[in-house]
Amino acid sequence: MQAAADSVRLAGGQAACLLDTGLAATAEKLHEALHIALRGARVRGVLFAIFGGVVRCDAAADGIAAACRDLAPRVPLAVRLNGCLADEGRQRLRAAQCPAALTDSLEEAARRLVAAA
Protein backbone atom coordinates (compact mmCIF):
# COMPACT_ATOMS: atom_id res chain seq x y z
CA MET A 1 0.00 0.00 0.00
CA GLN A 2 2.81 2.39 0.86
CA ALA A 3 4.49 1.56 -2.46
CA ALA A 4 1.38 2.75 -4.31
CA ALA A 5 1.32 6.04 -2.38
CA ASP A 6 5.06 6.50 -2.98
CA SER A 7 4.64 5.82 -6.70
CA VAL A 8 1.89 8.44 -6.95
CA ARG A 9 4.07 10.98 -5.13
CA LEU A 10 7.07 10.23 -7.36
CA ALA A 11 4.82 10.77 -10.39
CA GLY A 12 3.92 14.23 -9.08
CA GLY A 13 0.65 13.47 -7.32
CA GLN A 14 -0.50 13.06 -3.75
CA ALA A 15 -2.55 10.22 -2.29
CA ALA A 16 -5.86 11.50 -0.88
CA CYS A 17 -6.73 8.21 0.79
CA LEU A 18 -5.38 4.68 0.99
CA LEU A 19 -7.45 1.55 1.26
CA ASP A 20 -6.04 -1.94 1.66
CA THR A 21 -8.44 -4.78 0.96
CA GLY A 22 -5.85 -7.24 2.21
CA LEU A 23 -5.62 -10.78 0.98
CA ALA A 24 -9.38 -10.98 0.54
CA ALA A 25 -9.62 -8.65 -2.47
CA THR A 26 -12.78 -10.24 -3.79
CA ALA A 27 -14.87 -8.72 -6.57
CA GLU A 28 -17.30 -7.44 -3.93
CA LYS A 29 -14.56 -5.83 -1.84
CA LEU A 30 -13.05 -4.08 -4.86
CA HIS A 31 -16.48 -2.80 -5.86
CA GLU A 32 -16.97 -1.42 -2.35
CA ALA A 33 -13.44 0.02 -2.32
CA LEU A 34 -14.14 2.10 -5.42
CA HIS A 35 -17.48 3.17 -3.97
CA ILE A 36 -15.71 4.39 -0.80
CA ALA A 37 -12.91 6.10 -2.73
CA LEU A 38 -15.31 7.98 -4.98
CA ARG A 39 -16.98 9.54 -1.93
CA GLY A 40 -13.80 11.46 -1.10
CA ALA A 41 -14.01 15.14 -2.00
CA ARG A 42 -10.26 15.32 -2.68
CA VAL A 43 -10.15 12.23 -4.88
CA ARG A 44 -9.10 13.16 -8.43
CA GLY A 45 -8.18 9.65 -9.56
CA VAL A 46 -8.09 6.06 -8.30
CA LEU A 47 -5.17 3.64 -8.51
CA PHE A 48 -5.79 -0.07 -8.06
CA ALA A 49 -2.48 -1.79 -7.27
CA ILE A 50 -3.26 -5.50 -7.48
CA PHE A 51 -0.54 -8.09 -7.04
CA GLY A 52 -1.95 -11.51 -7.78
CA GLY A 53 -0.29 -13.86 -5.35
CA VAL A 54 -3.14 -15.04 -3.18
CA VAL A 55 -5.62 -12.89 -5.09
CA ARG A 56 -6.29 -13.86 -8.69
CA CYS A 57 -6.04 -10.87 -11.03
CA ASP A 58 -8.95 -12.08 -13.18
CA ALA A 59 -11.28 -12.09 -10.16
CA ALA A 60 -10.01 -8.66 -9.09
CA ALA A 61 -10.63 -7.38 -12.62
CA ASP A 62 -14.21 -8.65 -12.48
CA GLY A 63 -14.82 -6.54 -9.37
CA ILE A 64 -13.24 -3.46 -10.89
CA ALA A 65 -15.22 -3.90 -14.12
CA ALA A 66 -18.48 -4.27 -12.17
CA ALA A 67 -17.67 -1.17 -10.15
CA CYS A 68 -16.94 0.81 -13.33
CA ARG A 69 -20.25 -0.32 -14.79
CA ASP A 70 -22.29 0.34 -11.64
CA LEU A 71 -20.63 3.51 -10.34
CA ALA A 72 -19.59 5.25 -13.59
CA PRO A 73 -16.57 7.02 -12.05
CA ARG A 74 -15.96 10.57 -13.23
CA VAL A 75 -12.29 10.51 -12.26
CA PRO A 76 -9.45 8.72 -14.05
CA LEU A 77 -8.64 5.16 -13.05
CA ALA A 78 -5.40 3.23 -13.35
CA VAL A 79 -5.13 -0.50 -12.72
CA ARG A 80 -1.87 -2.34 -12.12
CA LEU A 81 -2.40 -6.07 -12.41
CA ASN A 82 0.66 -8.20 -11.84
CA GLY A 83 0.84 -11.86 -10.93
CA CYS A 84 -1.61 -14.75 -11.13
CA LEU A 85 -3.82 -14.44 -14.24
CA ALA A 86 -2.88 -10.78 -14.81
CA ASP A 87 -3.17 -11.04 -18.60
CA GLU A 88 -6.64 -12.56 -18.25
CA GLY A 89 -7.61 -9.74 -15.88
CA ARG A 90 -6.49 -7.05 -18.30
CA GLN A 91 -8.40 -8.80 -21.09
CA ARG A 92 -11.55 -8.83 -18.96
CA LEU A 93 -11.24 -5.12 -18.17
CA ARG A 94 -10.79 -4.31 -21.86
CA ALA A 95 -13.76 -6.49 -22.81
CA ALA A 96 -15.87 -4.72 -20.17
CA GLN A 97 -14.75 -1.38 -21.63
CA CYS A 98 -13.60 -0.25 -18.21
CA PRO A 99 -12.15 3.26 -18.71
CA ALA A 100 -8.88 2.59 -16.91
CA ALA A 101 -5.22 2.76 -17.82
CA LEU A 102 -4.04 -0.86 -17.63
CA THR A 103 -0.48 -1.94 -16.93
CA ASP A 104 1.63 -4.47 -15.05
CA SER A 105 3.89 -1.73 -13.63
CA LEU A 106 3.01 0.22 -10.49
CA GLU A 107 5.19 3.14 -11.55
CA GLU A 108 3.57 3.28 -15.00
CA ALA A 109 0.07 3.11 -13.47
CA ALA A 110 0.93 6.01 -11.16
CA ARG A 111 2.37 8.09 -14.02
CA ARG A 112 -0.71 7.51 -16.17
CA LEU A 113 -3.06 8.33 -13.32
CA VAL A 114 -1.30 11.55 -12.34
CA ALA A 115 -1.13 12.65 -15.98
CA ALA A 116 -4.86 12.01 -16.44
CA ALA A 117 -5.86 13.66 -13.16
C-alpha atoms as a PDB file:
ATOM      1  CA  MET A   1       0.000   0.000   0.000  1.00  0.00           C
ATOM      2  CA  GLN A   2       2.815   2.392   0.857  1.00  0.00           C
ATOM      3  CA  ALA A   3       4.488   1.560  -2.465  1.00  0.00           C
ATOM      4  CA  ALA A   4       1.382   2.750  -4.313  1.00  0.00           C
ATOM      5  CA  ALA A   5       1.323   6.038  -2.383  1.00  0.00           C
ATOM      6  CA  ASP A   6       5.060   6.501  -2.984  1.00  0.00           C
ATOM      7  CA  SER A   7       4.636   5.823  -6.702  1.00  0.00           C
ATOM      8  CA  VAL A   8       1.894   8.442  -6.954  1.00  0.00           C
ATOM      9  CA  ARG A   9       4.068  10.979  -5.125  1.00  0.00           C
ATOM     10  CA  LEU A  10       7.075  10.226  -7.363  1.00  0.00           C
ATOM     11  CA  ALA A  11       4.819  10.770 -10.388  1.00  0.00           C
ATOM     12  CA  GLY A  12       3.921  14.230  -9.078  1.00  0.00           C
ATOM     13  CA  GLY A  13       0.646  13.474  -7.321  1.00  0.00           C
ATOM     14  CA  GLN A  14      -0.496  13.059  -3.747  1.00  0.00           C
ATOM     15  CA  ALA A  15      -2.550  10.221  -2.292  1.00  0.00           C
ATOM     16  CA  ALA A  16      -5.855  11.502  -0.877  1.00  0.00           C
ATOM     17  CA  CYS A  17      -6.728   8.212   0.786  1.00  0.00           C
ATOM     18  CA  LEU A  18      -5.377   4.680   0.995  1.00  0.00           C
ATOM     19  CA  LEU A  19      -7.454   1.546   1.260  1.00  0.00           C
ATOM     20  CA  ASP A  20      -6.041  -1.938   1.656  1.00  0.00           C
ATOM     21  CA  THR A  21      -8.443  -4.784   0.960  1.00  0.00           C
ATOM     22  CA  GLY A  22      -5.845  -7.242   2.212  1.00  0.00           C
ATOM     23  CA  LEU A  23      -5.623 -10.784   0.975  1.00  0.00           C
ATOM     24  CA  ALA A  24      -9.379 -10.975   0.536  1.00  0.00           C
ATOM     25  CA  ALA A  25      -9.616  -8.648  -2.469  1.00  0.00           C
ATOM     26  CA  THR A  26     -12.776 -10.237  -3.792  1.00  0.00           C
ATOM     27  CA  ALA A  27     -14.868  -8.719  -6.565  1.00  0.00           C
ATOM     28  CA  GLU A  28     -17.302  -7.443  -3.931  1.00  0.00           C
ATOM     29  CA  LYS A  29     -14.562  -5.825  -1.836  1.00  0.00           C
ATOM     30  CA  LEU A  30     -13.045  -4.079  -4.858  1.00  0.00           C
ATOM     31  CA  HIS A  31     -16.480  -2.799  -5.860  1.00  0.00           C
ATOM     32  CA  GLU A  32     -16.972  -1.422  -2.351  1.00  0.00           C
ATOM     33  CA  ALA A  33     -13.436   0.019  -2.321  1.00  0.00           C
ATOM     34  CA  LEU A  34     -14.145   2.096  -5.417  1.00  0.00           C
ATOM     35  CA  HIS A  35     -17.484   3.166  -3.968  1.00  0.00           C
ATOM     36  CA  ILE A  36     -15.706   4.390  -0.804  1.00  0.00           C
ATOM     37  CA  ALA A  37     -12.905   6.098  -2.734  1.00  0.00           C
ATOM     38  CA  LEU A  38     -15.311   7.979  -4.983  1.00  0.00           C
ATOM     39  CA  ARG A  39     -16.985   9.541  -1.934  1.00  0.00           C
ATOM     40  CA  GLY A  40     -13.799  11.464  -1.101  1.00  0.00           C
ATOM     41  CA  ALA A  41     -14.013  15.139  -1.999  1.00  0.00           C
ATOM     42  CA  ARG A  42     -10.262  15.323  -2.675  1.00  0.00           C
ATOM     43  CA  VAL A  43     -10.150  12.225  -4.881  1.00  0.00           C
ATOM     44  CA  ARG A  44      -9.101  13.163  -8.426  1.00  0.00           C
ATOM     45  CA  GLY A  45      -8.179   9.646  -9.556  1.00  0.00           C
ATOM     46  CA  VAL A  46      -8.094   6.057  -8.305  1.00  0.00           C
ATOM     47  CA  LEU A  47      -5.174   3.641  -8.507  1.00  0.00           C
ATOM     48  CA  PHE A  48      -5.787  -0.069  -8.055  1.00  0.00           C
ATOM     49  CA  ALA A  49      -2.478  -1.787  -7.265  1.00  0.00           C
ATOM     50  CA  ILE A  50      -3.259  -5.499  -7.485  1.00  0.00           C
ATOM     51  CA  PHE A  51      -0.543  -8.088  -7.044  1.00  0.00           C
ATOM     52  CA  GLY A  52      -1.947 -11.511  -7.785  1.00  0.00           C
ATOM     53  CA  GLY A  53      -0.291 -13.859  -5.352  1.00  0.00           C
ATOM     54  CA  VAL A  54      -3.136 -15.043  -3.185  1.00  0.00           C
ATOM     55  CA  VAL A  55      -5.619 -12.888  -5.088  1.00  0.00           C
ATOM     56  CA  ARG A  56      -6.290 -13.859  -8.695  1.00  0.00           C
ATOM     57  CA  CYS A  57      -6.043 -10.865 -11.030  1.00  0.00           C
ATOM     58  CA  ASP A  58      -8.947 -12.077 -13.176  1.00  0.00           C
ATOM     59  CA  ALA A  59     -11.277 -12.088 -10.159  1.00  0.00           C
ATOM     60  CA  ALA A  60     -10.007  -8.656  -9.092  1.00  0.00           C
ATOM     61  CA  ALA A  61     -10.633  -7.381 -12.623  1.00  0.00           C
ATOM     62  CA  ASP A  62     -14.211  -8.646 -12.481  1.00  0.00           C
ATOM     63  CA  GLY A  63     -14.818  -6.541  -9.373  1.00  0.00           C
ATOM     64  CA  ILE A  64     -13.236  -3.458 -10.889  1.00  0.00           C
ATOM     65  CA  ALA A  65     -15.221  -3.904 -14.116  1.00  0.00           C
ATOM     66  CA  ALA A  66     -18.480  -4.275 -12.174  1.00  0.00           C
ATOM     67  CA  ALA A  67     -17.665  -1.165 -10.147  1.00  0.00           C
ATOM     68  CA  CYS A  68     -16.937   0.813 -13.326  1.00  0.00           C
ATOM     69  CA  ARG A  69     -20.252  -0.317 -14.793  1.00  0.00           C
ATOM     70  CA  ASP A  70     -22.294   0.337 -11.640  1.00  0.00           C
ATOM     71  CA  LEU A  71     -20.631   3.509 -10.341  1.00  0.00           C
ATOM     72  CA  ALA A  72     -19.587   5.252 -13.594  1.00  0.00           C
ATOM     73  CA  PRO A  73     -16.571   7.016 -12.050  1.00  0.00           C
ATOM     74  CA  ARG A  74     -15.965  10.572 -13.233  1.00  0.00           C
ATOM     75  CA  VAL A  75     -12.291  10.513 -12.263  1.00  0.00           C
ATOM     76  CA  PRO A  76      -9.449   8.719 -14.051  1.00  0.00           C
ATOM     77  CA  LEU A  77      -8.638   5.156 -13.048  1.00  0.00           C
ATOM     78  CA  ALA A  78      -5.403   3.225 -13.348  1.00  0.00           C
ATOM     79  CA  VAL A  79      -5.126  -0.496 -12.716  1.00  0.00           C
ATOM     80  CA  ARG A  80      -1.869  -2.338 -12.121  1.00  0.00           C
ATOM     81  CA  LEU A  81      -2.402  -6.071 -12.413  1.00  0.00           C
ATOM     82  CA  ASN A  82       0.656  -8.201 -11.835  1.00  0.00           C
ATOM     83  CA  GLY A  83       0.838 -11.864 -10.928  1.00  0.00           C
ATOM     84  CA  CYS A  84      -1.611 -14.752 -11.126  1.00  0.00           C
ATOM     85  CA  LEU A  85      -3.821 -14.441 -14.243  1.00  0.00           C
ATOM     86  CA  ALA A  86      -2.880 -10.783 -14.814  1.00  0.00           C
ATOM     87  CA  ASP A  87      -3.172 -11.039 -18.602  1.00  0.00           C
ATOM     88  CA  GLU A  88      -6.638 -12.559 -18.253  1.00  0.00           C
ATOM     89  CA  GLY A  89      -7.610  -9.740 -15.875  1.00  0.00           C
ATOM     90  CA  ARG A  90      -6.488  -7.047 -18.297  1.00  0.00           C
ATOM     91  CA  GLN A  91      -8.405  -8.800 -21.093  1.00  0.00           C
ATOM     92  CA  ARG A  92     -11.547  -8.827 -18.959  1.00  0.00           C
ATOM     93  CA  LEU A  93     -11.240  -5.120 -18.171  1.00  0.00           C
ATOM     94  CA  ARG A  94     -10.787  -4.305 -21.860  1.00  0.00           C
ATOM     95  CA  ALA A  95     -13.763  -6.492 -22.810  1.00  0.00           C
ATOM     96  CA  ALA A  96     -15.871  -4.723 -20.165  1.00  0.00           C
ATOM     97  CA  GLN A  97     -14.754  -1.375 -21.632  1.00  0.00           C
ATOM     98  CA  CYS A  98     -13.597  -0.252 -18.214  1.00  0.00           C
ATOM     99  CA  PRO A  99     -12.155   3.264 -18.712  1.00  0.00           C
ATOM    100  CA  ALA A 100      -8.884   2.590 -16.912  1.00  0.00           C
ATOM    101  CA  ALA A 101      -5.222   2.763 -17.817  1.00  0.00           C
ATOM    102  CA  LEU A 102      -4.040  -0.861 -17.626  1.00  0.00           C
ATOM    103  CA  THR A 103      -0.477  -1.937 -16.930  1.00  0.00           C
ATOM    104  CA  ASP A 104       1.629  -4.466 -15.050  1.00  0.00           C
ATOM    105  CA  SER A 105       3.892  -1.730 -13.629  1.00  0.00           C
ATOM    106  CA  LEU A 106       3.008   0.215 -10.491  1.00  0.00           C
ATOM    107  CA  GLU A 107       5.187   3.136 -11.548  1.00  0.00           C
ATOM    108  CA  GLU A 108       3.565   3.283 -15.001  1.00  0.00           C
ATOM    109  CA  ALA A 109       0.074   3.112 -13.466  1.00  0.00           C
ATOM    110  CA  ALA A 110       0.930   6.013 -11.158  1.00  0.00           C
ATOM    111  CA  ARG A 111       2.366   8.091 -14.022  1.00  0.00           C
ATOM    112  CA  ARG A 112      -0.712   7.510 -16.173  1.00  0.00           C
ATOM    113  CA  LEU A 113      -3.056   8.327 -13.318  1.00  0.00           C
ATOM    114  CA  VAL A 114      -1.304  11.554 -12.342  1.00  0.00           C
ATOM    115  CA  ALA A 115      -1.128  12.654 -15.982  1.00  0.00           C
ATOM    116  CA  ALA A 116      -4.857  12.009 -16.443  1.00  0.00           C
ATOM    117  CA  ALA A 117      -5.861  13.665 -13.157  1.00  0.00           C
END
